Amino acid sequence: MPTNNKPNRLIAEKSPYLLQHAHNPVNWFPWGEEAFKKAKRENKPVLVSIGYSTCH
């Protein structure tokens, strides 16, 4: 996936999973009130990514 030099708001998170997406071009929100308020204000659904795991 292409990366972006400017980090998104996930850069402030502690989770390794969230941090690995902090430089991609998606305007991600971590789980929290900011995301829900924006969705309500814009009358948009909240999409949740629960992550993924690979077994080796």
PDB file of N, CA and C in Angstrom:
ATOM      1  N   MET A   1       0.848  -1.173   0.000  1.00  0.00           N
ATOM      2  CA  MET A   1       0.000   0.000   0.000  1.00  0.00           C
ATOM      3  C   MET A   1       0.895   1.238   0.000  1.00  0.00           C
ATOM      4  N   PRO A   2       0.546   2.257  -0.758  1.00  0.00           N
ATOM      5  CA  PRO A   2       1.349   3.470  -0.756  1.00  0.00           C
ATOM      6  C   PRO A   2       1.354   4.112   0.618  1.00  0.00           C
ATOM      7  N   THR A   3       2.431   4.761   0.931  1.00  0.00           N
ATOM      8  CA  THR A   3       2.506   5.443   2.214  1.00  0.00           C
ATOM      9  C   THR A   3       2.484   6.946   2.008  1.00  0.00           C
ATOM     10  N   ASN A   4       2.195   7.626   3.053  1.00  0.00           N
ATOM     11  CA  ASN A   4       2.075   9.069   3.044  1.00  0.00           C
ATOM     12  C   ASN A   4       3.090   9.597   4.057  1.00  0.00           C
ATOM     13  N   ASN A   5       3.855  10.622   3.709  1.00  0.00           N
ATOM     14  CA  ASN A   5       4.830  11.177   4.640  1.00  0.00           C
ATOM     15  C   ASN A   5       4.169  11.833   5.847  1.00  0.00           C
ATOM     16  N   LYS A   6       3.007  12.432   5.668  1.00  0.00           N
ATOM     17  CA  LYS A   6       2.308  13.087   6.771  1.00  0.00           C
ATOM     18  C   LYS A   6       1.458  12.048   7.504  1.00  0.00           C
ATOM     19  N   PRO A   7       1.699  11.846   8.797  1.00  0.00           N
ATOM     20  CA  PRO A   7       0.916  10.844   9.519  1.00  0.00           C
ATOM     21  C   PRO A   7      -0.530  11.280   9.735  1.00  0.00           C
ATOM     22  N   ASN A   8      -1.411  10.306   9.861  1.00  0.00           N
ATOM     23  CA  ASN A   8      -2.795  10.594  10.210  1.00  0.00           C
ATOM     24  C   ASN A   8      -2.928  10.571  11.736  1.00  0.00           C
ATOM     25  N   ARG A   9      -4.137  10.696  12.259  1.00  0.00           N
ATOM     26  CA  ARG A   9      -4.326  10.811  13.709  1.00  0.00           C
ATOM     27  C   ARG A   9      -3.967   9.535  14.474  1.00  0.00           C
ATOM     28  N   LEU A  10      -3.731   8.425  13.797  1.00  0.00           N
ATOM     29  CA  LEU A  10      -3.331   7.199  14.497  1.00  0.00           C
ATOM     30  C   LEU A  10      -1.910   7.287  15.051  1.00  0.00           C
ATOM     31  N   ILE A  11      -1.147   8.279  14.624  1.00  0.00           N
ATOM     32  CA  ILE A  11       0.231   8.425  15.087  1.00  0.00           C
ATOM     33  C   ILE A  11       0.292   8.619  16.604  1.00  0.00           C
ATOM     34  N   ALA A  12      -0.769   9.076  17.224  1.00  0.00           N
ATOM     35  CA  ALA A  12      -0.790   9.301  18.673  1.00  0.00           C
ATOM     36  C   ALA A  12      -1.213   8.070  19.473  1.00  0.00           C
ATOM     37  N   GLU A  13      -1.519   6.970  18.785  1.00  0.00           N
ATOM     38  CA  GLU A  13      -1.983   5.765  19.470  1.00  0.00           C
ATOM     39  C   GLU A  13      -0.817   4.917  19.976  1.00  0.00           C
ATOM     40  N   LYS A  14      -1.103   4.017  20.903  1.00  0.00           N
ATOM     41  CA  LYS A  14      -0.080   3.131  21.471  1.00  0.00           C
ATOM     42  C   LYS A  14      -0.099   1.738  20.851  1.00  0.00           C
ATOM     43  N   SER A  15      -1.202   1.366  20.244  1.00  0.00           N
ATOM     44  CA  SER A  15      -1.358   0.030  19.675  1.00  0.00           C
ATOM     45  C   SER A  15      -0.440  -0.168  18.472  1.00  0.00           C
ATOM     46  N   PRO A  16       0.359  -1.239  18.466  1.00  0.00           N
ATOM     47  CA  PRO A  16       1.206  -1.517  17.296  1.00  0.00           C
ATOM     48  C   PRO A  16       0.382  -1.671  16.009  1.00  0.00           C
ATOM     49  N   TYR A  17      -0.810  -2.264  16.113  1.00  0.00           N
ATOM     50  CA  TYR A  17      -1.669  -2.429  14.941  1.00  0.00           C
ATOM     51  C   TYR A  17      -2.074  -1.061  14.384  1.00  0.00           C
ATOM     52  N   LEU A  18      -2.504  -0.149  15.242  1.00  0.00           N
ATOM     53  CA  LEU A  18      -2.905   1.177  14.767  1.00  0.00           C
ATOM     54  C   LEU A  18      -1.715   1.965  14.247  1.00  0.00           C
ATOM     55  N   LEU A  19      -0.585   1.867  14.923  1.00  0.00           N
ATOM     56  CA  LEU A  19       0.599   2.608  14.494  1.00  0.00           C
ATOM     57  C   LEU A  19       1.102   2.185  13.114  1.00  0.00           C
ATOM     58  N   GLN A  20       0.896   0.920  12.757  1.00  0.00           N
ATOM     59  CA  GLN A  20       1.368   0.499  11.431  1.00  0.00           C
ATOM     60  C   GLN A  20       0.551   1.145  10.312  1.00  0.00           C
ATOM     61  N   HIS A  21      -0.585   1.747  10.648  1.00  0.00           N
ATOM     62  CA  HIS A  21      -1.429   2.422   9.661  1.00  0.00           C
ATOM     63  C   HIS A  21      -1.369   3.942   9.789  1.00  0.00           C
ATOM     64  N   ALA A  22      -0.464   4.446  10.613  1.00  0.00           N
ATOM     65  CA  ALA A  22      -0.399   5.888  10.886  1.00  0.00           C
ATOM     66  C   ALA A  22       0.130   6.708   9.714  1.00  0.00           C
ATOM     67  N   HIS A  23       0.748   6.077   8.742  1.00  0.00           N
ATOM     68  CA  HIS A  23       1.266   6.827   7.579  1.00  0.00           C
ATOM     69  C   HIS A  23       0.581   6.443   6.275  1.00  0.00           C
ATOM     70  N   ASN A  24      -0.537   5.742   6.358  1.00  0.00           N
ATOM     71  CA  ASN A  24      -1.217   5.442   5.096  1.00  0.00           C
ATOM     72  C   ASN A  24      -2.206   6.555   4.763  1.00  0.00           C
ATOM     73  N   PRO A  25      -2.681   6.608   3.536  1.00  0.00           N
ATOM     74  CA  PRO A  25      -3.467   7.762   3.077  1.00  0.00           C
ATOM     75  C   PRO A  25      -4.940   7.760   3.491  1.00  0.00           C
ATOM     76  N   VAL A  26      -5.313   6.951   4.465  1.00  0.00           N
ATOM     77  CA  VAL A  26      -6.702   6.909   4.929  1.00  0.00           C
ATOM     78  C   VAL A  26      -6.847   7.813   6.148  1.00  0.00           C
ATOM     79  N   ASN A  27      -7.925   8.537   6.215  1.00  0.00           N
ATOM     80  CA  ASN A  27      -8.175   9.442   7.334  1.00  0.00           C
ATOM     81  C   ASN A  27      -8.801   8.666   8.496  1.00  0.00           C
ATOM     82  N   TRP A  28      -8.026   7.762   9.083  1.00  0.00           N
ATOM     83  CA  TRP A  28      -8.512   6.903  10.166  1.00  0.00           C
ATOM     84  C   TRP A  28      -8.792   7.680  11.436  1.00  0.00           C
ATOM     85  N   PHE A  29      -9.752   7.192  12.208  1.00  0.00           N
ATOM     86  CA  PHE A  29     -10.014   7.674  13.563  1.00  0.00           C
ATOM     87  C   PHE A  29      -9.866   6.487  14.496  1.00  0.00           C
ATOM     88  N   PRO A  30      -9.201   6.658  15.629  1.00  0.00           N
ATOM     89  CA  PRO A  30      -9.237   5.584  16.619  1.00  0.00           C
ATOM     90  C   PRO A  30     -10.637   5.524  17.235  1.00  0.00           C
ATOM     91  N   TRP A  31     -10.971   4.407  17.863  1.00  0.00           N
ATOM     92  CA  TRP A  31     -12.263   4.243  18.516  1.00  0.00           C
ATOM     93  C   TRP A  31     -12.429   5.327  19.563  1.00  0.00           C
ATOM     94  N   GLY A  32     -13.515   6.074  19.497  1.00  0.00           N
ATOM     95  CA  GLY A  32     -13.740   7.094  20.509  1.00  0.00           C
ATOM     96  C   GLY A  32     -14.771   8.116  20.090  1.00  0.00           C
ATOM     97  N   GLU A  33     -15.014   9.049  20.985  1.00  0.00           N
ATOM     98  CA  GLU A  33     -16.057  10.053  20.776  1.00  0.00           C
ATOM     99  C   GLU A  33     -15.850  10.906  19.527  1.00  0.00           C
ATOM    100  N   GLU A  34     -14.612  11.231  19.207  1.00  0.00           N
ATOM    101  CA  GLU A  34     -14.354  12.071  18.031  1.00  0.00           C
ATOM    102  C   GLU A  34     -14.939  11.436  16.772  1.00  0.00           C
ATOM    103  N   ALA A  35     -14.737  10.138  16.613  1.00  0.00           N
ATOM    104  CA  ALA A  35     -15.254   9.430  15.437  1.00  0.00           C
ATOM    105  C   ALA A  35     -16.775   9.415  15.412  1.00  0.00           C
ATOM    106  N   PHE A  36     -17.379   9.152  16.558  1.00  0.00           N
ATOM    107  CA  PHE A  36     -18.843   9.076  16.611  1.00  0.00           C
ATOM    108  C   PHE A  36     -19.494  10.441  16.420  1.00  0.00           C
ATOM    109  N   LYS A  37     -18.902  11.469  16.970  1.00  0.00           N
ATOM    110  CA  LYS A  37     -19.449  12.816  16.786  1.00  0.00           C
ATOM    111  C   LYS A  37     -19.377  13.237  15.324  1.00  0.00           C
ATOM    112  N   LYS A  38     -18.251  12.930  14.666  1.00  0.00           N
ATOM    113  CA  LYS A  38     -18.109  13.284  13.254  1.00  0.00           C
ATOM    114  C   LYS A  38     -19.131  12.523  12.399  1.00  0.00           C
ATOM    115  N   ALA A  39     -19.294  11.241  12.672  1.00  0.00           N
ATOM    116  CA  ALA A  39     -20.257  10.435  11.924  1.00  0.00           C
ATOM    117  C   ALA A  39     -21.677  10.966  12.104  1.00  0.00           C
ATOM    118  N   LYS A  40     -22.014  11.309  13.321  1.00  0.00           N
ATOM    119  CA  LYS A  40     -23.356  11.836  13.578  1.00  0.00           C
ATOM    120  C   LYS A  40     -23.547  13.178  12.887  1.00  0.00           C
ATOM    121  N   ARG A  41     -22.558  14.048  13.008  1.00  0.00           N
ATOM    122  CA  ARG A  41     -22.631  15.383  12.396  1.00  0.00           C
ATOM    123  C   ARG A  41     -22.793  15.286  10.876  1.00  0.00           C
ATOM    124  N   GLU A  42     -22.095  14.325  10.259  1.00  0.00           N
ATOM    125  CA  GLU A  42     -22.132  14.176   8.798  1.00  0.00           C
ATOM    126  C   GLU A  42     -23.164  13.149   8.330  1.00  0.00           C
ATOM    127  N   ASN A  43     -23.903  12.583   9.278  1.00  0.00           N
ATOM    128  CA  ASN A  43     -24.923  11.577   8.972  1.00  0.00           C
ATOM    129  C   ASN A  43     -24.331  10.420   8.157  1.00  0.00           C
ATOM    130  N   LYS A  44     -23.207   9.892   8.656  1.00  0.00           N
ATOM    131  CA  LYS A  44     -22.503   8.802   7.981  1.00  0.00           C
ATOM    132  C   LYS A  44     -22.353   7.620   8.932  1.00  0.00           C
ATOM    133  N   PRO A  45     -22.254   6.421   8.392  1.00  0.00           N
ATOM    134  CA  PRO A  45     -22.055   5.254   9.259  1.00  0.00           C
ATOM    135  C   PRO A  45     -20.620   5.208   9.792  1.00  0.00           C
ATOM    136  N   VAL A  46     -20.438   4.468  10.859  1.00  0.00           N
ATOM    137  CA  VAL A  46     -19.112   4.211  11.412  1.00  0.00           C
ATOM    138  C   VAL A  46     -18.702   2.819  10.949  1.00  0.00           C
ATOM    139  N   LEU A  47     -17.585   2.734  10.265  1.00  0.00           N
ATOM    140  CA  LEU A  47     -17.055   1.449   9.826  1.00  0.00           C
ATOM    141  C   LEU A  47     -15.953   1.037  10.782  1.00  0.00           C
ATOM    142  N   VAL A  48     -15.992  -0.192  11.221  1.00  0.00           N
ATOM    143  CA  VAL A  48     -15.045  -0.657  12.231  1.00  0.00           C
ATOM    144  C   VAL A  48     -14.117  -1.698  11.624  1.00  0.00           C
ATOM    145  N   SER A  49     -12.821  -1.479  11.804  1.00  0.00           N
ATOM    146  CA  SER A  49     -11.833  -2.480  11.427  1.00  0.00           C
ATOM    147  C   SER A  49     -11.375  -3.152  12.717  1.00  0.00           C
ATOM    148  N   ILE A  50     -11.550  -4.461  12.789  1.00  0.00           N
ATOM    149  CA  ILE A  50     -11.153  -5.179  14.007  1.00  0.00           C
ATOM    150  C   ILE A  50      -9.763  -5.761  13.884  1.00  0.00           C
ATOM    151  N   GLY A  51      -9.069  -5.410  12.820  1.00  0.00           N
ATOM    152  CA  GLY A  51      -7.711  -5.912  12.629  1.00  0.00           C
ATOM    153  C   GLY A  51      -7.710  -7.274  11.970  1.00  0.00           C
ATOM    154  N   TYR A  52      -6.562  -7.850  11.946  1.00  0.00           N
ATOM    155  CA  TYR A  52      -6.423  -9.162  11.342  1.00  0.00           C
ATOM    156  C   TYR A  52      -5.185  -9.822  11.922  1.00  0.00           C
ATOM    157  N   SER A  53      -5.103 -11.092  11.729  1.00  0.00           N
ATOM    158  CA  SER A  53      -3.980 -11.846  12.246  1.00  0.00           C
ATOM    159  C   SER A  53      -3.554 -12.856  11.187  1.00  0.00           C
ATOM    160  N   THR A  54      -2.282 -13.085  11.114  1.00  0.00           N
ATOM    161  CA  THR A  54      -1.789 -14.129  10.236  1.00  0.00           C
ATOM    162  C   THR A  54      -1.129 -15.193  11.092  1.00  0.00           C
ATOM    163  N   CYS A  55      -1.412 -16.409  10.801  1.00  0.00           N
ATOM    164  CA  CYS A  55      -0.827 -17.526  11.545  1.00  0.00           C
ATOM    165  C   CYS A  55       0.328 -18.101  10.749  1.00  0.00           C
ATOM    166  N   HIS A  56       1.404 -18.343  11.407  1.00  0.00           N
ATOM    167  CA  HIS A  56       2.582 -18.906  10.741  1.00  0.00           C
ATOM    168  C   HIS A  56       2.934 -20.227  11.379  1.00  0.00           C
TER     169      HIS A  56
END
